[in-house]
Amino acid sequence: MKYARLTKEQLEELQQEFVNFLATQSITASEWQELKQTKPQVAEDEIDVFSDLIWEGVLTNVGYVEHISEQQMHLFHLTQKEMKLIAIKVMNPKIDLTTQQGYQWFKKNWQSDFVEYMTASKAYGLDPNLDKFQLIQQGAVITKGELYHWFEKMMDTP
């Protein structure tokens, strides 16, 4: 398995896609039930292959991820050739960006001396989708990139 097995909830959400996947494997509903009973490892392997296919499709199309912790924001733009990062660090230890109150403070004070910014870019390794997956495994969430674009615009404005 290249990525991670989809959760039970994710598999339930993708039930029709999984049925279609099994059909491409020439596995009928009754055969699937029998496979689960008689050859559970083969059934597990099919779920793993399906999970990797889903992850591959998601990761190929993802453009932005964010990881927000108590004192930092890491905003990534995942381009075709590289990962671009806008990193934000709050230097006030009393502020927790993961709370509503902390985020409100940040919105008012984003230009203060208590906030540091850094930008960077990094080429992908041998497998761009695996690099993206590792960011998600570390806690990043897929977004539409609004926060990234807002900061990018603010940083470009003199």
N, C-alpha and C. Protein backbone atom coordinates (compact mmCIF):
# COMPACT_ATOMS: atom_id res chain seq x y z
N MET A 1 0.85 -1.17 0.00
CA MET A 1 0.00 0.00 0.00
C MET A 1 0.89 1.24 0.00
N LYS A 2 0.61 2.14 -0.91
CA LYS A 2 1.43 3.33 -1.06
C LYS A 2 1.04 4.43 -0.08
N TYR A 3 -0.25 4.61 0.15
CA TYR A 3 -0.73 5.70 1.00
C TYR A 3 -1.30 5.13 2.30
N ALA A 4 -2.59 5.30 2.51
CA ALA A 4 -3.24 4.78 3.71
C ALA A 4 -4.62 4.27 3.33
N ARG A 5 -5.05 3.25 4.04
CA ARG A 5 -6.37 2.71 3.77
C ARG A 5 -7.43 3.75 4.15
N LEU A 6 -8.43 3.85 3.30
CA LEU A 6 -9.55 4.73 3.62
C LEU A 6 -10.26 4.22 4.86
N THR A 7 -10.80 5.14 5.64
CA THR A 7 -11.54 4.75 6.83
C THR A 7 -12.87 4.11 6.42
N LYS A 8 -13.51 3.46 7.37
CA LYS A 8 -14.81 2.86 7.12
C LYS A 8 -15.80 3.92 6.63
N GLU A 9 -15.75 5.11 7.25
CA GLU A 9 -16.65 6.20 6.86
C GLU A 9 -16.36 6.66 5.44
N GLN A 10 -15.09 6.77 5.09
CA GLN A 10 -14.73 7.19 3.74
C GLN A 10 -15.18 6.15 2.72
N LEU A 11 -14.98 4.89 3.05
CA LEU A 11 -15.42 3.83 2.14
C LEU A 11 -16.93 3.85 1.96
N GLU A 12 -17.67 4.12 3.03
CA GLU A 12 -19.13 4.21 2.92
C GLU A 12 -19.53 5.38 2.01
N GLU A 13 -18.82 6.50 2.13
CA GLU A 13 -19.11 7.66 1.27
C GLU A 13 -18.82 7.35 -0.20
N LEU A 14 -17.85 6.48 -0.42
CA LEU A 14 -17.43 6.14 -1.79
C LEU A 14 -17.95 4.78 -2.22
N GLN A 15 -19.08 4.38 -1.66
CA GLN A 15 -19.62 3.05 -1.92
C GLN A 15 -19.84 2.80 -3.41
N GLN A 16 -20.44 3.76 -4.11
CA GLN A 16 -20.71 3.56 -5.54
C GLN A 16 -19.41 3.44 -6.33
N GLU A 17 -18.43 4.27 -5.98
CA GLU A 17 -17.14 4.19 -6.66
C GLU A 17 -16.48 2.84 -6.40
N PHE A 18 -16.64 2.32 -5.16
CA PHE A 18 -16.06 1.02 -4.84
C PHE A 18 -16.76 -0.09 -5.63
N VAL A 19 -18.07 0.00 -5.75
CA VAL A 19 -18.82 -0.97 -6.56
C VAL A 19 -18.31 -0.94 -8.00
N ASN A 20 -18.11 0.26 -8.53
CA ASN A 20 -17.59 0.39 -9.90
C ASN A 20 -16.18 -0.19 -10.01
N PHE A 21 -15.38 0.05 -8.98
CA PHE A 21 -14.02 -0.49 -8.95
C PHE A 21 -14.07 -2.02 -8.98
N LEU A 22 -14.92 -2.61 -8.15
CA LEU A 22 -15.05 -4.07 -8.13
C LEU A 22 -15.51 -4.59 -9.49
N ALA A 23 -16.40 -3.84 -10.13
CA ALA A 23 -16.88 -4.25 -11.45
C ALA A 23 -15.73 -4.27 -12.46
N THR A 24 -14.82 -3.31 -12.35
CA THR A 24 -13.66 -3.32 -13.27
C THR A 24 -12.75 -4.51 -13.00
N GLN A 25 -12.85 -5.07 -11.80
CA GLN A 25 -12.09 -6.27 -11.43
C GLN A 25 -12.90 -7.54 -11.72
N SER A 26 -14.07 -7.36 -12.34
CA SER A 26 -15.00 -8.46 -12.65
C SER A 26 -15.45 -9.20 -11.40
N ILE A 27 -15.68 -8.42 -10.32
CA ILE A 27 -16.17 -8.98 -9.06
C ILE A 27 -17.59 -8.49 -8.85
N THR A 28 -18.54 -9.43 -8.79
CA THR A 28 -19.94 -9.08 -8.55
C THR A 28 -20.18 -8.90 -7.05
N ALA A 29 -21.35 -8.41 -6.70
CA ALA A 29 -21.69 -8.21 -5.29
C ALA A 29 -21.66 -9.53 -4.52
N SER A 30 -22.21 -10.57 -5.10
CA SER A 30 -22.21 -11.87 -4.41
C SER A 30 -20.80 -12.43 -4.30
N GLU A 31 -20.01 -12.25 -5.34
CA GLU A 31 -18.61 -12.69 -5.28
C GLU A 31 -17.82 -11.91 -4.22
N TRP A 32 -18.14 -10.63 -4.08
CA TRP A 32 -17.47 -9.82 -3.06
C TRP A 32 -17.80 -10.34 -1.65
N GLN A 33 -19.06 -10.65 -1.42
CA GLN A 33 -19.47 -11.20 -0.12
C GLN A 33 -18.75 -12.52 0.16
N GLU A 34 -18.68 -13.35 -0.85
CA GLU A 34 -17.99 -14.63 -0.69
C GLU A 34 -16.49 -14.43 -0.45
N LEU A 35 -15.92 -13.50 -1.18
CA LEU A 35 -14.49 -13.20 -1.03
C LEU A 35 -14.18 -12.75 0.40
N LYS A 36 -15.03 -11.89 0.95
CA LYS A 36 -14.83 -11.42 2.32
C LYS A 36 -14.87 -12.58 3.32
N GLN A 37 -15.73 -13.56 3.04
CA GLN A 37 -15.89 -14.71 3.95
C GLN A 37 -14.75 -15.73 3.80
N THR A 38 -14.43 -16.04 2.56
CA THR A 38 -13.50 -17.15 2.32
C THR A 38 -12.04 -16.72 2.15
N LYS A 39 -11.83 -15.53 1.65
CA LYS A 39 -10.46 -15.04 1.42
C LYS A 39 -10.34 -13.60 1.91
N PRO A 40 -10.42 -13.41 3.22
CA PRO A 40 -10.42 -12.05 3.75
C PRO A 40 -9.18 -11.24 3.37
N GLN A 41 -8.04 -11.88 3.22
CA GLN A 41 -6.83 -11.14 2.86
C GLN A 41 -6.92 -10.59 1.43
N VAL A 42 -7.52 -11.36 0.54
CA VAL A 42 -7.71 -10.88 -0.83
C VAL A 42 -8.66 -9.68 -0.83
N ALA A 43 -9.71 -9.75 -0.03
CA ALA A 43 -10.66 -8.63 0.09
C ALA A 43 -9.95 -7.40 0.65
N GLU A 44 -9.12 -7.61 1.68
CA GLU A 44 -8.35 -6.49 2.26
C GLU A 44 -7.44 -5.87 1.20
N ASP A 45 -6.81 -6.72 0.39
CA ASP A 45 -5.92 -6.23 -0.66
C ASP A 45 -6.69 -5.38 -1.68
N GLU A 46 -7.90 -5.79 -2.01
CA GLU A 46 -8.73 -5.02 -2.95
C GLU A 46 -9.07 -3.65 -2.37
N ILE A 47 -9.38 -3.61 -1.08
CA ILE A 47 -9.67 -2.33 -0.42
C ILE A 47 -8.42 -1.44 -0.43
N ASP A 48 -7.26 -2.04 -0.22
CA ASP A 48 -6.01 -1.27 -0.25
C ASP A 48 -5.75 -0.68 -1.64
N VAL A 49 -5.96 -1.48 -2.68
CA VAL A 49 -5.75 -0.99 -4.05
C VAL A 49 -6.73 0.15 -4.34
N PHE A 50 -7.98 -0.03 -3.95
CA PHE A 50 -8.98 1.03 -4.15
C PHE A 50 -8.58 2.29 -3.39
N SER A 51 -8.14 2.14 -2.14
CA SER A 51 -7.72 3.30 -1.34
C SER A 51 -6.60 4.06 -2.03
N ASP A 52 -5.61 3.34 -2.53
CA ASP A 52 -4.50 4.00 -3.23
C ASP A 52 -4.98 4.73 -4.48
N LEU A 53 -5.92 4.12 -5.21
CA LEU A 53 -6.45 4.79 -6.40
C LEU A 53 -7.15 6.10 -6.04
N ILE A 54 -7.93 6.07 -4.97
CA ILE A 54 -8.64 7.28 -4.53
C ILE A 54 -7.63 8.34 -4.10
N TRP A 55 -6.67 7.94 -3.25
CA TRP A 55 -5.65 8.90 -2.80
C TRP A 55 -4.89 9.49 -3.99
N GLU A 56 -4.53 8.66 -4.94
CA GLU A 56 -3.78 9.13 -6.10
C GLU A 56 -4.56 10.22 -6.84
N GLY A 57 -5.86 9.98 -7.03
CA GLY A 57 -6.69 10.97 -7.70
C GLY A 57 -6.80 12.26 -6.91
N VAL A 58 -7.01 12.16 -5.61
CA VAL A 58 -7.12 13.35 -4.76
C VAL A 58 -5.81 14.13 -4.77
N LEU A 59 -4.71 13.43 -4.57
CA LEU A 59 -3.41 14.10 -4.45
C LEU A 59 -2.97 14.73 -5.77
N THR A 60 -3.33 14.12 -6.87
CA THR A 60 -2.98 14.68 -8.18
C THR A 60 -3.67 16.03 -8.38
N ASN A 61 -4.88 16.17 -7.83
CA ASN A 61 -5.67 17.38 -8.05
C ASN A 61 -5.57 18.42 -6.94
N VAL A 62 -4.96 18.10 -5.81
CA VAL A 62 -4.91 19.06 -4.71
C VAL A 62 -3.93 20.18 -5.06
N GLY A 63 -4.36 21.42 -4.76
CA GLY A 63 -3.52 22.58 -5.05
C GLY A 63 -3.02 23.30 -3.81
N TYR A 64 -3.75 23.16 -2.71
CA TYR A 64 -3.39 23.89 -1.49
C TYR A 64 -3.64 23.04 -0.27
N VAL A 65 -2.74 23.14 0.71
CA VAL A 65 -2.97 22.56 2.02
C VAL A 65 -2.50 23.56 3.06
N GLU A 66 -3.10 23.46 4.24
CA GLU A 66 -2.72 24.33 5.37
C GLU A 66 -2.51 23.48 6.60
N HIS A 67 -1.54 23.89 7.39
CA HIS A 67 -1.36 23.28 8.70
C HIS A 67 -1.28 24.42 9.70
N ILE A 68 -2.27 24.49 10.58
CA ILE A 68 -2.33 25.57 11.58
C ILE A 68 -2.19 24.94 12.95
N SER A 69 -1.19 25.41 13.69
CA SER A 69 -0.99 24.95 15.06
C SER A 69 -1.12 26.15 15.99
N GLU A 70 -0.82 25.96 17.26
CA GLU A 70 -1.02 27.02 18.25
C GLU A 70 -0.31 28.31 17.89
N GLN A 71 0.93 28.22 17.44
CA GLN A 71 1.74 29.42 17.20
C GLN A 71 2.14 29.62 15.75
N GLN A 72 1.78 28.68 14.87
CA GLN A 72 2.25 28.78 13.49
C GLN A 72 1.18 28.40 12.48
N MET A 73 1.35 28.97 11.28
CA MET A 73 0.55 28.57 10.12
C MET A 73 1.53 28.23 9.01
N HIS A 74 1.30 27.11 8.38
CA HIS A 74 2.07 26.74 7.19
C HIS A 74 1.07 26.60 6.06
N LEU A 75 1.17 27.51 5.11
CA LEU A 75 0.24 27.56 3.99
C LEU A 75 1.01 27.14 2.73
N PHE A 76 0.58 26.05 2.11
CA PHE A 76 1.28 25.51 0.96
C PHE A 76 0.48 25.66 -0.31
N HIS A 77 1.17 26.09 -1.37
CA HIS A 77 0.61 26.05 -2.71
C HIS A 77 1.37 24.94 -3.43
N LEU A 78 0.66 23.90 -3.83
CA LEU A 78 1.27 22.72 -4.43
C LEU A 78 1.16 22.84 -5.95
N THR A 79 2.18 23.43 -6.54
CA THR A 79 2.17 23.63 -7.99
C THR A 79 2.61 22.34 -8.67
N GLN A 80 2.66 22.38 -9.97
CA GLN A 80 3.04 21.19 -10.71
C GLN A 80 4.51 20.82 -10.46
N LYS A 81 5.37 21.83 -10.27
CA LYS A 81 6.80 21.57 -10.16
C LYS A 81 7.36 21.65 -8.74
N GLU A 82 6.67 22.38 -7.85
CA GLU A 82 7.23 22.59 -6.52
C GLU A 82 6.15 22.89 -5.50
N MET A 83 6.57 22.85 -4.23
CA MET A 83 5.71 23.25 -3.12
C MET A 83 6.15 24.64 -2.70
N LYS A 84 5.22 25.58 -2.68
CA LYS A 84 5.52 26.94 -2.22
C LYS A 84 4.91 27.09 -0.82
N LEU A 85 5.66 27.71 0.06
CA LEU A 85 5.24 27.84 1.45
C LEU A 85 5.21 29.29 1.89
N ILE A 86 4.15 29.65 2.59
CA ILE A 86 4.12 30.88 3.38
C ILE A 86 4.00 30.42 4.82
N ALA A 87 5.02 30.71 5.61
CA ALA A 87 5.04 30.31 7.01
C ALA A 87 4.83 31.54 7.88
N ILE A 88 3.98 31.42 8.87
CA ILE A 88 3.64 32.51 9.76
C ILE A 88 3.86 32.03 11.18
N LYS A 89 4.56 32.82 11.96
CA LYS A 89 4.84 32.44 13.34
C LYS A 89 4.43 33.58 14.26
N VAL A 90 3.60 33.25 15.26
CA VAL A 90 3.18 34.24 16.26
C VAL A 90 4.17 34.16 17.42
N MET A 91 4.75 35.29 17.76
CA MET A 91 5.78 35.33 18.80
C MET A 91 5.21 35.60 20.19
N ASN A 92 3.90 35.72 20.29
CA ASN A 92 3.24 35.93 21.57
C ASN A 92 2.77 34.58 22.09
N PRO A 93 3.40 34.03 23.15
CA PRO A 93 3.05 32.69 23.62
C PRO A 93 1.64 32.58 24.20
N LYS A 94 1.00 33.71 24.45
CA LYS A 94 -0.37 33.67 24.99
C LYS A 94 -1.41 33.46 23.90
N ILE A 95 -1.00 33.54 22.64
CA ILE A 95 -1.93 33.43 21.52
C ILE A 95 -1.93 32.00 20.98
N ASP A 96 -3.13 31.46 20.81
CA ASP A 96 -3.30 30.13 20.25
C ASP A 96 -4.16 30.28 18.98
N LEU A 97 -3.51 30.13 17.82
CA LEU A 97 -4.20 30.32 16.55
C LEU A 97 -5.31 29.31 16.29
N THR A 98 -5.31 28.22 17.03
CA THR A 98 -6.34 27.20 16.80
C THR A 98 -7.64 27.52 17.52
N THR A 99 -7.65 28.61 18.30
CA THR A 99 -8.88 29.02 18.97
C THR A 99 -9.48 30.23 18.25
N GLN A 100 -10.76 30.44 18.44
CA GLN A 100 -11.43 31.60 17.85
C GLN A 100 -10.82 32.90 18.35
N GLN A 101 -10.56 32.96 19.65
CA GLN A 101 -9.99 34.16 20.25
C GLN A 101 -8.59 34.43 19.69
N GLY A 102 -7.78 33.40 19.58
CA GLY A 102 -6.42 33.56 19.05
C GLY A 102 -6.42 33.99 17.61
N TYR A 103 -7.33 33.42 16.82
CA TYR A 103 -7.41 33.78 15.41
C TYR A 103 -7.90 35.22 15.24
N GLN A 104 -8.84 35.64 16.10
CA GLN A 104 -9.30 37.02 16.06
C GLN A 104 -8.15 37.98 16.38
N TRP A 105 -7.34 37.62 17.39
CA TRP A 105 -6.17 38.44 17.71
C TRP A 105 -5.27 38.54 16.50
N PHE A 106 -5.04 37.42 15.85
CA PHE A 106 -4.16 37.40 14.68
C PHE A 106 -4.69 38.29 13.56
N LYS A 107 -6.00 38.25 13.31
CA LYS A 107 -6.58 39.07 12.24
C LYS A 107 -6.36 40.56 12.50
N LYS A 108 -6.34 40.95 13.78
CA LYS A 108 -6.13 42.36 14.12
C LYS A 108 -4.64 42.74 14.14
N ASN A 109 -3.79 41.77 14.43
CA ASN A 109 -2.38 42.06 14.69
C ASN A 109 -1.41 41.40 13.70
N TRP A 110 -1.88 41.00 12.55
CA TRP A 110 -1.04 40.26 11.61
C TRP A 110 0.16 41.05 11.12
N GLN A 111 0.11 42.37 11.24
CA GLN A 111 1.23 43.20 10.81
C GLN A 111 2.10 43.66 11.97
N SER A 112 1.86 43.17 13.16
CA SER A 112 2.61 43.62 14.32
C SER A 112 3.98 42.94 14.40
N ASP A 113 4.80 43.43 15.31
CA ASP A 113 6.13 42.84 15.54
C ASP A 113 6.03 41.46 16.19
N PHE A 114 4.85 41.07 16.62
CA PHE A 114 4.67 39.76 17.24
C PHE A 114 4.42 38.65 16.21
N VAL A 115 4.44 39.02 14.92
CA VAL A 115 4.19 38.04 13.87
C VAL A 115 5.33 38.08 12.86
N GLU A 116 5.90 36.90 12.60
CA GLU A 116 6.98 36.78 11.61
C GLU A 116 6.49 35.98 10.41
N TYR A 117 7.03 36.33 9.24
CA TYR A 117 6.66 35.67 8.00
C TYR A 117 7.91 35.15 7.30
N MET A 118 7.73 34.05 6.60
CA MET A 118 8.80 33.49 5.80
C MET A 118 8.17 32.82 4.59
N THR A 119 8.85 32.92 3.47
CA THR A 119 8.40 32.19 2.29
C THR A 119 9.53 31.28 1.84
N ALA A 120 9.15 30.20 1.22
CA ALA A 120 10.13 29.25 0.71
C ALA A 120 9.47 28.42 -0.39
N SER A 121 10.30 27.75 -1.14
CA SER A 121 9.79 26.79 -2.11
C SER A 121 10.75 25.61 -2.14
N LYS A 122 10.19 24.48 -2.51
CA LYS A 122 10.98 23.25 -2.52
C LYS A 122 10.50 22.38 -3.67
N ALA A 123 11.44 21.86 -4.42
CA ALA A 123 11.09 20.93 -5.49
C ALA A 123 10.60 19.62 -4.86
N TYR A 124 9.71 18.96 -5.56
CA TYR A 124 9.24 17.66 -5.10
C TYR A 124 10.37 16.65 -5.18
N GLY A 125 10.21 15.58 -4.41
CA GLY A 125 11.12 14.45 -4.52
C GLY A 125 10.74 13.63 -5.75
N LEU A 126 11.02 12.36 -5.70
CA LEU A 126 10.73 11.48 -6.84
C LEU A 126 9.24 11.31 -7.09
N ASP A 127 8.42 11.45 -6.05
CA ASP A 127 6.98 11.24 -6.17
C ASP A 127 6.24 12.42 -5.55
N PRO A 128 5.81 13.38 -6.37
CA PRO A 128 5.12 14.56 -5.83
C PRO A 128 3.90 14.21 -4.98
N ASN A 129 3.12 13.21 -5.39
CA ASN A 129 1.93 12.86 -4.62
C ASN A 129 2.29 12.31 -3.24
N LEU A 130 3.39 11.61 -3.14
CA LEU A 130 3.83 11.10 -1.84
C LEU A 130 4.26 12.26 -0.94
N ASP A 131 4.91 13.28 -1.53
CA ASP A 131 5.27 14.48 -0.76
C ASP A 131 4.02 15.17 -0.23
N LYS A 132 3.00 15.28 -1.07
CA LYS A 132 1.74 15.90 -0.66
C LYS A 132 1.07 15.08 0.44
N PHE A 133 1.08 13.76 0.27
CA PHE A 133 0.47 12.88 1.25
C PHE A 133 1.16 13.02 2.61
N GLN A 134 2.47 13.15 2.61
CA GLN A 134 3.20 13.31 3.86
C GLN A 134 2.79 14.58 4.59
N LEU A 135 2.53 15.66 3.86
CA LEU A 135 2.04 16.89 4.49
C LEU A 135 0.70 16.63 5.17
N ILE A 136 -0.17 15.90 4.50
CA ILE A 136 -1.49 15.59 5.07
C ILE A 136 -1.34 14.68 6.29
N GLN A 137 -0.45 13.71 6.21
CA GLN A 137 -0.21 12.82 7.35
C GLN A 137 0.31 13.59 8.56
N GLN A 138 1.02 14.70 8.31
CA GLN A 138 1.56 15.52 9.39
C GLN A 138 0.54 16.51 9.94
N GLY A 139 -0.67 16.49 9.39
CA GLY A 139 -1.73 17.33 9.95
C GLY A 139 -2.26 18.41 9.03
N ALA A 140 -1.72 18.54 7.84
CA ALA A 140 -2.22 19.56 6.90
C ALA A 140 -3.59 19.12 6.37
N VAL A 141 -4.41 20.12 6.06
CA VAL A 141 -5.73 19.86 5.49
C VAL A 141 -5.81 20.50 4.11
N ILE A 142 -6.55 19.87 3.23
CA ILE A 142 -6.73 20.37 1.88
C ILE A 142 -7.66 21.58 1.94
N THR A 143 -7.27 22.66 1.25
CA THR A 143 -8.09 23.86 1.20
C THR A 143 -8.20 24.36 -0.23
N LYS A 144 -8.94 25.45 -0.39
CA LYS A 144 -9.05 26.09 -1.69
C LYS A 144 -7.98 27.16 -1.89
N GLY A 145 -7.20 27.44 -0.86
CA GLY A 145 -6.08 28.36 -0.99
C GLY A 145 -6.38 29.82 -0.72
N GLU A 146 -7.56 30.12 -0.15
CA GLU A 146 -7.90 31.52 0.07
C GLU A 146 -6.90 32.22 0.99
N LEU A 147 -6.54 31.58 2.08
CA LEU A 147 -5.59 32.17 3.03
C LEU A 147 -4.22 32.35 2.38
N TYR A 148 -3.78 31.36 1.64
CA TYR A 148 -2.50 31.46 0.94
C TYR A 148 -2.52 32.67 0.00
N HIS A 149 -3.56 32.77 -0.82
CA HIS A 149 -3.64 33.87 -1.79
C HIS A 149 -3.71 35.23 -1.11
N TRP A 150 -4.42 35.32 0.01
CA TRP A 150 -4.53 36.58 0.72
C TRP A 150 -3.15 37.03 1.20
N PHE A 151 -2.42 36.12 1.82
CA PHE A 151 -1.08 36.46 2.30
C PHE A 151 -0.13 36.74 1.16
N GLU A 152 -0.24 35.99 0.09
CA GLU A 152 0.62 36.21 -1.07
C GLU A 152 0.39 37.63 -1.61
N LYS A 153 -0.85 38.03 -1.67
CA LYS A 153 -1.21 39.37 -2.15
C LYS A 153 -0.67 40.44 -1.19
N MET A 154 -0.84 40.22 0.12
CA MET A 154 -0.35 41.19 1.11
C MET A 154 1.16 41.32 1.09
N MET A 155 1.85 40.22 0.84
CA MET A 155 3.30 40.26 0.82
C MET A 155 3.83 40.94 -0.44
N ASP A 156 3.07 40.88 -1.53
CA ASP A 156 3.49 41.51 -2.77
C ASP A 156 3.18 43.00 -2.79
N THR A 157 2.29 43.44 -1.90
CA THR A 157 1.90 44.85 -1.85
C THR A 157 2.95 45.65 -1.08
N PRO A 158 3.51 46.69 -1.70
CA PRO A 158 4.53 47.48 -0.98
C PRO A 158 3.94 48.31 0.15
